[in-house]
Amino acid sequence: MEKCMYFAGVGGQGLQVLGKTIAEVANEKGFYVTYSPKYGAAKRGGLTSCFVTVSDEPIGNPRKKKQDILLVMEPKAYQQFRHDVKTGGVMVVNSTLVPETEDPDEGVKMVHTPLHGVCVELGNTKVISSVALGAVVELLTDVFPDKEVFKEFMLRQLSNKPELLELNKKAFEAGNAAVQKNLA
């Protein structure tokens, strides 16, 4: 088993937190993991992304592969990476910021999910990484049947900020529900 994931957007959208969280949980569960961040040259608003590969066997070069899961948070990322999903893979598109999309490549499922819209409904756009985590975890149930391990890890990471625990818990659950709704 091997799951290759790529998360792309702009700085400040929580993609590095998302990637690190998935990598750390997978490592705790005994999987082989690679996490490879990538930053654009711009100081603010530049493209940022990360590759995460989770496997039950040693991993070679994760960047040479097409992805099982691609999360694109904004239009530039969508245009640049939309063909990087393997047949049978899933592309999650943040439909709040990427309203216009073309048909996906053959064999790729596209899931339009208003991730930023969910944050706005919750009243705080700073919880985008928790919303995105909930969304992506819904696509990993074949590897991690218990999605709660991710929420528990996230809440442990935030234990020094108790005022944020409930909001991030709601954000995780809302991201999960949004993808479930749009997968149907």
N, C-alpha and C. Protein backbone atom coordinates (compact mmCIF):
# COMPACT_ATOMS: atom_id res chain seq x y z
N MET A 1 0.84 -1.17 0.00
CA MET A 1 0.00 0.00 0.00
C MET A 1 0.89 1.24 0.00
N GLU A 2 0.52 2.18 -0.83
CA GLU A 2 1.21 3.47 -0.85
C GLU A 2 0.21 4.55 -1.24
N LYS A 3 0.17 5.63 -0.48
CA LYS A 3 -0.69 6.79 -0.78
C LYS A 3 0.21 7.99 -0.99
N CYS A 4 0.11 8.56 -2.19
CA CYS A 4 0.87 9.76 -2.52
C CYS A 4 -0.10 10.94 -2.53
N MET A 5 0.28 11.99 -1.81
CA MET A 5 -0.58 13.17 -1.69
C MET A 5 0.21 14.43 -1.99
N TYR A 6 -0.48 15.39 -2.56
CA TYR A 6 0.14 16.69 -2.84
C TYR A 6 -0.87 17.76 -2.48
N PHE A 7 -0.43 18.72 -1.68
CA PHE A 7 -1.29 19.81 -1.23
C PHE A 7 -0.68 21.11 -1.74
N ALA A 8 -1.45 21.90 -2.51
CA ALA A 8 -0.89 23.10 -3.14
C ALA A 8 -1.82 24.30 -2.98
N GLY A 9 -1.20 25.44 -2.73
CA GLY A 9 -1.94 26.69 -2.59
C GLY A 9 -0.97 27.83 -2.40
N VAL A 10 -1.34 28.80 -1.59
CA VAL A 10 -0.46 29.92 -1.29
C VAL A 10 -0.15 29.92 0.19
N GLY A 11 0.93 30.62 0.54
CA GLY A 11 1.33 30.71 1.94
C GLY A 11 0.19 31.21 2.82
N GLY A 12 0.07 30.64 4.00
CA GLY A 12 -0.96 31.05 4.94
C GLY A 12 -2.22 30.20 4.89
N GLN A 13 -2.27 29.23 3.98
CA GLN A 13 -3.46 28.38 3.87
C GLN A 13 -3.35 27.08 4.67
N GLY A 14 -2.30 26.96 5.47
CA GLY A 14 -2.19 25.82 6.37
C GLY A 14 -1.73 24.53 5.74
N LEU A 15 -1.17 24.59 4.55
CA LEU A 15 -0.80 23.36 3.85
C LEU A 15 0.37 22.63 4.50
N GLN A 16 1.35 23.38 5.02
CA GLN A 16 2.48 22.72 5.68
C GLN A 16 2.03 22.05 6.98
N VAL A 17 1.14 22.71 7.71
CA VAL A 17 0.59 22.11 8.93
C VAL A 17 -0.18 20.84 8.58
N LEU A 18 -0.97 20.90 7.52
CA LEU A 18 -1.72 19.74 7.05
C LEU A 18 -0.78 18.58 6.72
N GLY A 19 0.24 18.85 5.92
CA GLY A 19 1.17 17.80 5.52
C GLY A 19 1.92 17.20 6.70
N LYS A 20 2.41 18.06 7.59
CA LYS A 20 3.14 17.58 8.77
C LYS A 20 2.24 16.73 9.66
N THR A 21 1.00 17.14 9.83
CA THR A 21 0.08 16.39 10.68
C THR A 21 -0.15 14.99 10.14
N ILE A 22 -0.43 14.89 8.85
CA ILE A 22 -0.64 13.57 8.25
C ILE A 22 0.62 12.72 8.37
N ALA A 23 1.77 13.32 8.10
CA ALA A 23 3.04 12.59 8.18
C ALA A 23 3.31 12.11 9.61
N GLU A 24 3.09 12.96 10.58
CA GLU A 24 3.38 12.57 11.97
C GLU A 24 2.43 11.49 12.47
N VAL A 25 1.16 11.59 12.13
CA VAL A 25 0.20 10.55 12.54
C VAL A 25 0.57 9.22 11.87
N ALA A 26 0.87 9.25 10.59
CA ALA A 26 1.25 8.02 9.88
C ALA A 26 2.50 7.41 10.50
N ASN A 27 3.46 8.24 10.87
CA ASN A 27 4.68 7.75 11.50
C ASN A 27 4.36 7.11 12.85
N GLU A 28 3.51 7.76 13.64
CA GLU A 28 3.10 7.19 14.93
C GLU A 28 2.43 5.83 14.76
N LYS A 29 1.74 5.64 13.63
CA LYS A 29 1.03 4.39 13.37
C LYS A 29 1.93 3.33 12.73
N GLY A 30 3.22 3.64 12.56
CA GLY A 30 4.17 2.65 12.08
C GLY A 30 4.37 2.59 10.58
N PHE A 31 3.86 3.56 9.85
CA PHE A 31 4.05 3.59 8.40
C PHE A 31 5.38 4.26 8.04
N TYR A 32 5.87 3.95 6.86
CA TYR A 32 6.97 4.72 6.28
C TYR A 32 6.35 6.01 5.75
N VAL A 33 7.05 7.12 5.92
CA VAL A 33 6.48 8.41 5.55
C VAL A 33 7.55 9.31 4.94
N THR A 34 7.17 10.06 3.92
CA THR A 34 7.99 11.19 3.49
C THR A 34 7.11 12.43 3.51
N TYR A 35 7.72 13.51 3.93
CA TYR A 35 7.08 14.83 3.91
C TYR A 35 8.09 15.77 3.26
N SER A 36 7.69 16.40 2.19
CA SER A 36 8.61 17.26 1.46
C SER A 36 7.94 18.60 1.16
N PRO A 37 8.30 19.64 1.93
CA PRO A 37 7.70 20.95 1.69
C PRO A 37 8.34 21.64 0.49
N LYS A 38 7.60 22.53 -0.11
CA LYS A 38 8.08 23.28 -1.26
C LYS A 38 7.54 24.70 -1.13
N TYR A 39 8.43 25.68 -1.23
CA TYR A 39 8.04 27.07 -1.06
C TYR A 39 8.39 27.86 -2.31
N GLY A 40 7.51 28.77 -2.71
CA GLY A 40 7.80 29.67 -3.82
C GLY A 40 8.75 30.77 -3.39
N ALA A 41 9.24 31.53 -4.35
CA ALA A 41 10.22 32.57 -4.07
C ALA A 41 9.60 33.81 -3.43
N ALA A 42 8.32 34.04 -3.63
CA ALA A 42 7.68 35.25 -3.09
C ALA A 42 7.63 35.19 -1.57
N LYS A 43 7.85 36.34 -0.93
CA LYS A 43 7.81 36.38 0.53
C LYS A 43 6.40 36.22 1.06
N ARG A 44 5.43 36.81 0.37
CA ARG A 44 4.03 36.71 0.80
C ARG A 44 3.16 36.34 -0.40
N GLY A 45 2.22 35.45 -0.16
CA GLY A 45 1.28 35.10 -1.21
C GLY A 45 1.83 34.22 -2.31
N GLY A 46 3.05 33.71 -2.13
CA GLY A 46 3.64 32.84 -3.14
C GLY A 46 3.11 31.42 -3.01
N LEU A 47 3.27 30.65 -4.08
CA LEU A 47 2.84 29.26 -4.04
C LEU A 47 3.62 28.49 -2.99
N THR A 48 2.93 27.64 -2.29
CA THR A 48 3.55 26.73 -1.35
C THR A 48 2.84 25.39 -1.51
N SER A 49 3.57 24.34 -1.26
CA SER A 49 2.97 23.01 -1.41
C SER A 49 3.78 22.02 -0.61
N CYS A 50 3.25 20.83 -0.50
CA CYS A 50 4.02 19.75 0.11
C CYS A 50 3.55 18.41 -0.44
N PHE A 51 4.52 17.52 -0.52
CA PHE A 51 4.28 16.13 -0.89
C PHE A 51 4.26 15.32 0.39
N VAL A 52 3.33 14.41 0.52
CA VAL A 52 3.32 13.46 1.63
C VAL A 52 3.06 12.09 1.02
N THR A 53 3.91 11.15 1.36
CA THR A 53 3.71 9.77 0.93
C THR A 53 3.68 8.89 2.16
N VAL A 54 2.69 8.02 2.24
CA VAL A 54 2.53 7.08 3.34
C VAL A 54 2.53 5.69 2.73
N SER A 55 3.35 4.80 3.29
CA SER A 55 3.47 3.46 2.71
C SER A 55 3.75 2.43 3.79
N ASP A 56 3.44 1.18 3.47
CA ASP A 56 3.82 0.10 4.37
C ASP A 56 5.16 -0.50 3.96
N GLU A 57 5.81 0.08 2.96
CA GLU A 57 7.14 -0.34 2.51
C GLU A 57 8.02 0.89 2.37
N PRO A 58 9.35 0.72 2.36
CA PRO A 58 10.23 1.88 2.17
C PRO A 58 9.86 2.66 0.90
N ILE A 59 10.04 3.97 0.96
CA ILE A 59 9.62 4.87 -0.11
C ILE A 59 10.84 5.37 -0.87
N GLY A 60 10.74 5.36 -2.20
CA GLY A 60 11.79 5.93 -3.04
C GLY A 60 11.59 7.44 -3.15
N ASN A 61 11.57 7.95 -4.34
CA ASN A 61 11.39 9.38 -4.57
C ASN A 61 9.91 9.70 -4.74
N PRO A 62 9.27 10.33 -3.75
CA PRO A 62 7.83 10.59 -3.85
C PRO A 62 7.46 11.64 -4.88
N ARG A 63 8.39 12.47 -5.27
CA ARG A 63 8.07 13.56 -6.20
C ARG A 63 7.97 13.09 -7.65
N LYS A 64 8.37 11.90 -7.95
CA LYS A 64 8.33 11.42 -9.33
C LYS A 64 7.00 10.77 -9.68
N LYS A 65 6.13 10.66 -8.72
CA LYS A 65 4.90 9.90 -8.93
C LYS A 65 3.71 10.83 -9.11
N LYS A 66 2.68 10.32 -9.79
CA LYS A 66 1.40 11.03 -9.80
C LYS A 66 0.73 10.76 -8.46
N GLN A 67 -0.19 11.61 -8.11
CA GLN A 67 -0.75 11.59 -6.76
C GLN A 67 -2.07 10.82 -6.68
N ASP A 68 -2.28 10.18 -5.53
CA ASP A 68 -3.57 9.57 -5.23
C ASP A 68 -4.56 10.65 -4.81
N ILE A 69 -4.05 11.63 -4.08
CA ILE A 69 -4.88 12.74 -3.60
C ILE A 69 -4.17 14.05 -3.91
N LEU A 70 -4.87 14.94 -4.56
CA LEU A 70 -4.37 16.29 -4.82
C LEU A 70 -5.36 17.26 -4.21
N LEU A 71 -4.87 18.14 -3.35
CA LEU A 71 -5.70 19.21 -2.78
C LEU A 71 -5.19 20.52 -3.35
N VAL A 72 -6.04 21.24 -4.07
CA VAL A 72 -5.66 22.55 -4.61
C VAL A 72 -6.54 23.61 -3.95
N MET A 73 -5.85 24.63 -3.42
CA MET A 73 -6.54 25.64 -2.63
C MET A 73 -6.82 26.93 -3.37
N GLU A 74 -6.16 27.16 -4.51
CA GLU A 74 -6.36 28.41 -5.23
C GLU A 74 -6.10 28.21 -6.72
N PRO A 75 -6.54 29.15 -7.57
CA PRO A 75 -6.52 28.95 -9.02
C PRO A 75 -5.16 28.63 -9.64
N LYS A 76 -4.09 29.31 -9.21
CA LYS A 76 -2.77 29.03 -9.79
C LYS A 76 -2.37 27.58 -9.53
N ALA A 77 -2.62 27.12 -8.32
CA ALA A 77 -2.28 25.73 -7.98
C ALA A 77 -3.10 24.76 -8.81
N TYR A 78 -4.36 25.08 -9.00
CA TYR A 78 -5.22 24.22 -9.82
C TYR A 78 -4.66 24.12 -11.24
N GLN A 79 -4.36 25.26 -11.85
CA GLN A 79 -3.85 25.26 -13.22
C GLN A 79 -2.52 24.51 -13.33
N GLN A 80 -1.66 24.68 -12.35
CA GLN A 80 -0.33 24.09 -12.42
C GLN A 80 -0.33 22.58 -12.17
N PHE A 81 -1.19 22.09 -11.29
CA PHE A 81 -1.06 20.70 -10.85
C PHE A 81 -2.23 19.79 -11.21
N ARG A 82 -3.23 20.28 -11.90
CA ARG A 82 -4.45 19.50 -12.11
C ARG A 82 -4.24 18.22 -12.90
N HIS A 83 -3.14 18.10 -13.62
CA HIS A 83 -2.89 16.86 -14.38
C HIS A 83 -1.97 15.89 -13.62
N ASP A 84 -1.71 16.17 -12.36
CA ASP A 84 -0.78 15.36 -11.58
C ASP A 84 -1.46 14.31 -10.71
N VAL A 85 -2.68 13.94 -11.06
CA VAL A 85 -3.42 12.93 -10.29
C VAL A 85 -3.49 11.65 -11.11
N LYS A 86 -3.18 10.53 -10.46
CA LYS A 86 -3.20 9.26 -11.18
C LYS A 86 -4.63 8.79 -11.42
N THR A 87 -4.80 7.92 -12.38
CA THR A 87 -6.10 7.31 -12.64
C THR A 87 -6.57 6.62 -11.37
N GLY A 88 -7.81 6.87 -10.99
CA GLY A 88 -8.34 6.33 -9.75
C GLY A 88 -8.15 7.26 -8.57
N GLY A 89 -7.42 8.36 -8.78
CA GLY A 89 -7.15 9.32 -7.72
C GLY A 89 -8.27 10.34 -7.56
N VAL A 90 -8.09 11.20 -6.56
CA VAL A 90 -9.08 12.22 -6.24
C VAL A 90 -8.42 13.59 -6.17
N MET A 91 -9.06 14.56 -6.80
CA MET A 91 -8.62 15.95 -6.69
C MET A 91 -9.67 16.71 -5.88
N VAL A 92 -9.24 17.27 -4.76
CA VAL A 92 -10.13 18.11 -3.95
C VAL A 92 -9.84 19.56 -4.32
N VAL A 93 -10.86 20.25 -4.76
CA VAL A 93 -10.73 21.64 -5.20
C VAL A 93 -11.45 22.54 -4.20
N ASN A 94 -10.73 23.52 -3.67
CA ASN A 94 -11.33 24.51 -2.78
C ASN A 94 -12.23 25.40 -3.62
N SER A 95 -13.49 25.04 -3.73
CA SER A 95 -14.40 25.72 -4.65
C SER A 95 -14.73 27.15 -4.23
N THR A 96 -14.41 27.53 -3.01
CA THR A 96 -14.60 28.92 -2.61
C THR A 96 -13.68 29.83 -3.42
N LEU A 97 -12.44 29.39 -3.64
CA LEU A 97 -11.45 30.20 -4.33
C LEU A 97 -11.19 29.75 -5.76
N VAL A 98 -11.63 28.54 -6.10
CA VAL A 98 -11.44 28.00 -7.46
C VAL A 98 -12.82 27.61 -8.00
N PRO A 99 -13.63 28.61 -8.37
CA PRO A 99 -15.00 28.29 -8.79
C PRO A 99 -15.09 27.69 -10.18
N GLU A 100 -14.13 27.99 -11.04
CA GLU A 100 -14.18 27.51 -12.43
C GLU A 100 -13.16 26.39 -12.62
N THR A 101 -13.63 25.22 -12.99
CA THR A 101 -12.72 24.12 -13.28
C THR A 101 -13.14 23.44 -14.57
N GLU A 102 -12.16 22.80 -15.18
CA GLU A 102 -12.43 22.01 -16.38
C GLU A 102 -12.68 20.58 -15.94
N ASP A 103 -13.18 19.75 -16.86
CA ASP A 103 -13.36 18.35 -16.53
C ASP A 103 -12.02 17.75 -16.12
N PRO A 104 -12.02 16.87 -15.12
CA PRO A 104 -10.76 16.25 -14.71
C PRO A 104 -10.27 15.27 -15.76
N ASP A 105 -9.00 14.89 -15.63
CA ASP A 105 -8.47 13.86 -16.51
C ASP A 105 -9.29 12.59 -16.34
N GLU A 106 -9.28 11.76 -17.37
CA GLU A 106 -10.06 10.52 -17.33
C GLU A 106 -9.63 9.67 -16.14
N GLY A 107 -10.61 9.16 -15.41
CA GLY A 107 -10.35 8.28 -14.28
C GLY A 107 -10.04 9.01 -12.98
N VAL A 108 -10.12 10.35 -12.99
CA VAL A 108 -9.85 11.14 -11.79
C VAL A 108 -11.18 11.70 -11.27
N LYS A 109 -11.42 11.52 -9.99
CA LYS A 109 -12.64 12.07 -9.38
C LYS A 109 -12.31 13.46 -8.85
N MET A 110 -13.13 14.43 -9.21
CA MET A 110 -12.95 15.79 -8.72
C MET A 110 -14.03 16.08 -7.68
N VAL A 111 -13.60 16.55 -6.53
CA VAL A 111 -14.51 16.87 -5.43
C VAL A 111 -14.41 18.37 -5.16
N HIS A 112 -15.45 19.10 -5.50
CA HIS A 112 -15.51 20.54 -5.24
C HIS A 112 -16.01 20.73 -3.81
N THR A 113 -15.18 21.34 -2.98
CA THR A 113 -15.52 21.53 -1.58
C THR A 113 -15.16 22.95 -1.16
N PRO A 114 -16.09 23.70 -0.61
CA PRO A 114 -15.84 25.10 -0.25
C PRO A 114 -15.08 25.24 1.07
N LEU A 115 -13.80 24.88 1.07
CA LEU A 115 -13.03 24.85 2.32
C LEU A 115 -12.98 26.22 3.00
N HIS A 116 -12.68 27.26 2.24
CA HIS A 116 -12.66 28.60 2.86
C HIS A 116 -14.07 29.04 3.27
N GLY A 117 -15.06 28.63 2.52
CA GLY A 117 -16.44 28.94 2.89
C GLY A 117 -16.81 28.33 4.23
N VAL A 118 -16.32 27.12 4.48
CA VAL A 118 -16.55 26.46 5.77
C VAL A 118 -15.93 27.30 6.89
N CYS A 119 -14.71 27.81 6.65
CA CYS A 119 -14.05 28.65 7.66
C CYS A 119 -14.86 29.91 7.95
N VAL A 120 -15.36 30.52 6.90
CA VAL A 120 -16.16 31.74 7.05
C VAL A 120 -17.41 31.43 7.88
N GLU A 121 -18.05 30.30 7.60
CA GLU A 121 -19.23 29.90 8.38
C GLU A 121 -18.88 29.70 9.85
N LEU A 122 -17.67 29.21 10.11
CA LEU A 122 -17.23 29.00 11.49
C LEU A 122 -16.77 30.31 12.14
N GLY A 123 -16.60 31.35 11.33
CA GLY A 123 -16.22 32.65 11.86
C GLY A 123 -14.74 32.90 12.01
N ASN A 124 -13.89 32.04 11.43
CA ASN A 124 -12.45 32.23 11.58
C ASN A 124 -11.71 31.52 10.45
N THR A 125 -11.11 32.29 9.56
CA THR A 125 -10.38 31.69 8.43
C THR A 125 -9.05 31.09 8.85
N LYS A 126 -8.61 31.32 10.08
CA LYS A 126 -7.34 30.76 10.53
C LYS A 126 -7.42 29.26 10.80
N VAL A 127 -8.61 28.69 10.76
CA VAL A 127 -8.75 27.25 11.00
C VAL A 127 -8.73 26.45 9.70
N ILE A 128 -8.24 27.06 8.63
CA ILE A 128 -8.25 26.39 7.32
C ILE A 128 -7.49 25.07 7.34
N SER A 129 -6.38 24.98 8.08
CA SER A 129 -5.65 23.70 8.09
C SER A 129 -6.46 22.60 8.76
N SER A 130 -7.27 22.95 9.76
CA SER A 130 -8.12 21.94 10.41
C SER A 130 -9.26 21.51 9.50
N VAL A 131 -9.82 22.46 8.75
CA VAL A 131 -10.87 22.12 7.78
C VAL A 131 -10.28 21.21 6.70
N ALA A 132 -9.10 21.59 6.18
CA ALA A 132 -8.45 20.80 5.13
C ALA A 132 -8.08 19.41 5.64
N LEU A 133 -7.61 19.33 6.89
CA LEU A 133 -7.28 18.03 7.47
C LEU A 133 -8.51 17.14 7.51
N GLY A 134 -9.61 17.67 7.98
CA GLY A 134 -10.85 16.89 8.01
C GLY A 134 -11.26 16.42 6.62
N ALA A 135 -11.07 17.28 5.64
CA ALA A 135 -11.42 16.93 4.25
C ALA A 135 -10.54 15.81 3.71
N VAL A 136 -9.24 15.95 3.88
CA VAL A 136 -8.31 14.95 3.32
C VAL A 136 -8.44 13.62 4.04
N VAL A 137 -8.60 13.66 5.35
CA VAL A 137 -8.70 12.42 6.13
C VAL A 137 -9.88 11.56 5.66
N GLU A 138 -10.94 12.19 5.22
CA GLU A 138 -12.09 11.44 4.70
C GLU A 138 -11.68 10.58 3.51
N LEU A 139 -10.64 10.97 2.79
CA LEU A 139 -10.16 10.23 1.62
C LEU A 139 -9.12 9.18 1.99
N LEU A 140 -8.76 9.09 3.25
CA LEU A 140 -7.72 8.15 3.70
C LEU A 140 -8.27 7.01 4.54
N THR A 141 -9.57 6.79 4.50
CA THR A 141 -10.15 5.77 5.38
C THR A 141 -9.71 4.35 5.02
N ASP A 142 -9.22 4.14 3.80
CA ASP A 142 -8.69 2.81 3.46
C ASP A 142 -7.37 2.54 4.18
N VAL A 143 -6.64 3.58 4.53
CA VAL A 143 -5.37 3.44 5.25
C VAL A 143 -5.58 3.66 6.74
N PHE A 144 -6.39 4.63 7.09
CA PHE A 144 -6.67 4.98 8.48
C PHE A 144 -8.17 4.90 8.72
N PRO A 145 -8.69 3.70 9.03
CA PRO A 145 -10.13 3.57 9.23
C PRO A 145 -10.66 4.44 10.38
N ASP A 146 -9.80 4.71 11.37
CA ASP A 146 -10.21 5.53 12.51
C ASP A 146 -9.74 6.97 12.28
N LYS A 147 -10.63 7.79 11.75
CA LYS A 147 -10.30 9.19 11.46
C LYS A 147 -10.02 9.99 12.72
N GLU A 148 -10.51 9.49 13.84
CA GLU A 148 -10.35 10.22 15.10
C GLU A 148 -8.89 10.40 15.49
N VAL A 149 -8.00 9.51 15.03
CA VAL A 149 -6.58 9.66 15.40
C VAL A 149 -6.03 10.99 14.92
N PHE A 150 -6.50 11.47 13.80
CA PHE A 150 -6.04 12.76 13.28
C PHE A 150 -6.58 13.91 14.12
N LYS A 151 -7.84 13.82 14.46
CA LYS A 151 -8.43 14.88 15.29
C LYS A 151 -7.75 14.92 16.66
N GLU A 152 -7.52 13.75 17.24
CA GLU A 152 -6.86 13.68 18.55
C GLU A 152 -5.45 14.26 18.48
N PHE A 153 -4.71 13.94 17.41
CA PHE A 153 -3.36 14.48 17.24
C PHE A 153 -3.42 16.00 17.14
N MET A 154 -4.32 16.50 16.32
CA MET A 154 -4.46 17.95 16.13
C MET A 154 -4.76 18.63 17.47
N LEU A 155 -5.66 18.06 18.25
CA LEU A 155 -6.02 18.65 19.53
C LEU A 155 -4.86 18.58 20.52
N ARG A 156 -4.06 17.52 20.46
CA ARG A 156 -2.85 17.45 21.30
C ARG A 156 -1.88 18.57 20.94
N GLN A 157 -1.74 18.82 19.63
CA GLN A 157 -0.83 19.88 19.17
C GLN A 157 -1.30 21.25 19.64
N LEU A 158 -2.59 21.41 19.83
CA LEU A 158 -3.16 22.70 20.25
C LEU A 158 -3.39 22.78 21.75
N SER A 159 -2.90 21.81 22.50
CA SER A 159 -3.21 21.75 23.94
C SER A 159 -2.72 22.99 24.70
N ASN A 160 -1.73 23.69 24.15
CA ASN A 160 -1.25 24.90 24.81
C ASN A 160 -2.11 26.12 24.48
N LYS A 161 -3.13 25.92 23.65
CA LYS A 161 -4.07 27.00 23.29
C LYS A 161 -5.50 26.49 23.50
N PRO A 162 -5.90 26.30 24.75
CA PRO A 162 -7.21 25.70 25.02
C PRO A 162 -8.38 26.47 24.42
N GLU A 163 -8.21 27.77 24.23
CA GLU A 163 -9.31 28.56 23.66
C GLU A 163 -9.58 28.21 22.20
N LEU A 164 -8.64 27.51 21.54
CA LEU A 164 -8.81 27.15 20.13
C LEU A 164 -9.27 25.71 19.92
N LEU A 165 -9.31 24.92 20.98
CA LEU A 165 -9.61 23.49 20.83
C LEU A 165 -10.98 23.24 20.22
N GLU A 166 -12.00 23.84 20.78
CA GLU A 166 -13.36 23.56 20.31
C GLU A 166 -13.56 24.03 18.87
N LEU A 167 -13.03 25.20 18.54
CA LEU A 167 -13.17 25.73 17.18
C LEU A 167 -12.47 24.82 16.17
N ASN A 168 -11.26 24.35 16.49
CA ASN A 168 -10.54 23.48 15.57
C ASN A 168 -11.19 22.11 15.46
N LYS A 169 -11.77 21.63 16.54
CA LYS A 169 -12.52 20.37 16.49
C LYS A 169 -13.70 20.51 15.54
N LYS A 170 -14.44 21.62 15.66
CA LYS A 170 -15.57 21.88 14.76
C LYS A 170 -15.08 22.02 13.32
N ALA A 171 -13.93 22.66 13.12
CA ALA A 171 -13.39 22.86 11.78
C ALA A 171 -13.03 21.52 11.14
N PHE A 172 -12.39 20.64 11.89
CA PHE A 172 -12.05 19.31 11.40
C PHE A 172 -13.32 18.56 10.97
N GLU A 173 -14.30 18.56 11.85
CA GLU A 173 -15.55 17.85 11.56
C GLU A 173 -16.29 18.46 10.37
N ALA A 174 -16.25 19.78 10.24
CA ALA A 174 -16.91 20.45 9.12
C ALA A 174 -16.21 20.12 7.80
N GLY A 175 -14.89 20.07 7.80
CA GLY A 175 -14.16 19.69 6.59
C GLY A 175 -14.46 18.26 6.19
N ASN A 176 -14.55 17.40 7.17
CA ASN A 176 -14.88 15.99 6.93
C ASN A 176 -16.27 15.87 6.34
N ALA A 177 -17.23 16.57 6.92
CA ALA A 177 -18.61 16.52 6.44
C ALA A 177 -18.74 17.12 5.04
N ALA A 178 -17.98 18.18 4.76
CA ALA A 178 -18.06 18.82 3.44
C ALA A 178 -17.61 17.88 2.34
N VAL A 179 -16.54 17.13 2.58
CA VAL A 179 -16.07 16.18 1.56
C VAL A 179 -17.04 15.01 1.45
N GLN A 180 -17.54 14.51 2.57
CA GLN A 180 -18.54 13.43 2.51
C GLN A 180 -19.72 13.84 1.64
N LYS A 181 -20.21 15.05 1.85
CA LYS A 181 -21.36 15.56 1.10
C LYS A 181 -21.04 15.65 -0.39
N ASN A 182 -19.85 16.11 -0.72
CA ASN A 182 -19.50 16.32 -2.12
C ASN A 182 -18.95 15.08 -2.82
N LEU A 183 -18.64 14.03 -2.06
CA LEU A 183 -18.23 12.76 -2.66
C LEU A 183 -19.43 12.00 -3.20
N ALA A 184 -20.58 12.23 -2.60
CA ALA A 184 -21.79 11.48 -2.97
C ALA A 184 -22.26 11.80 -4.37
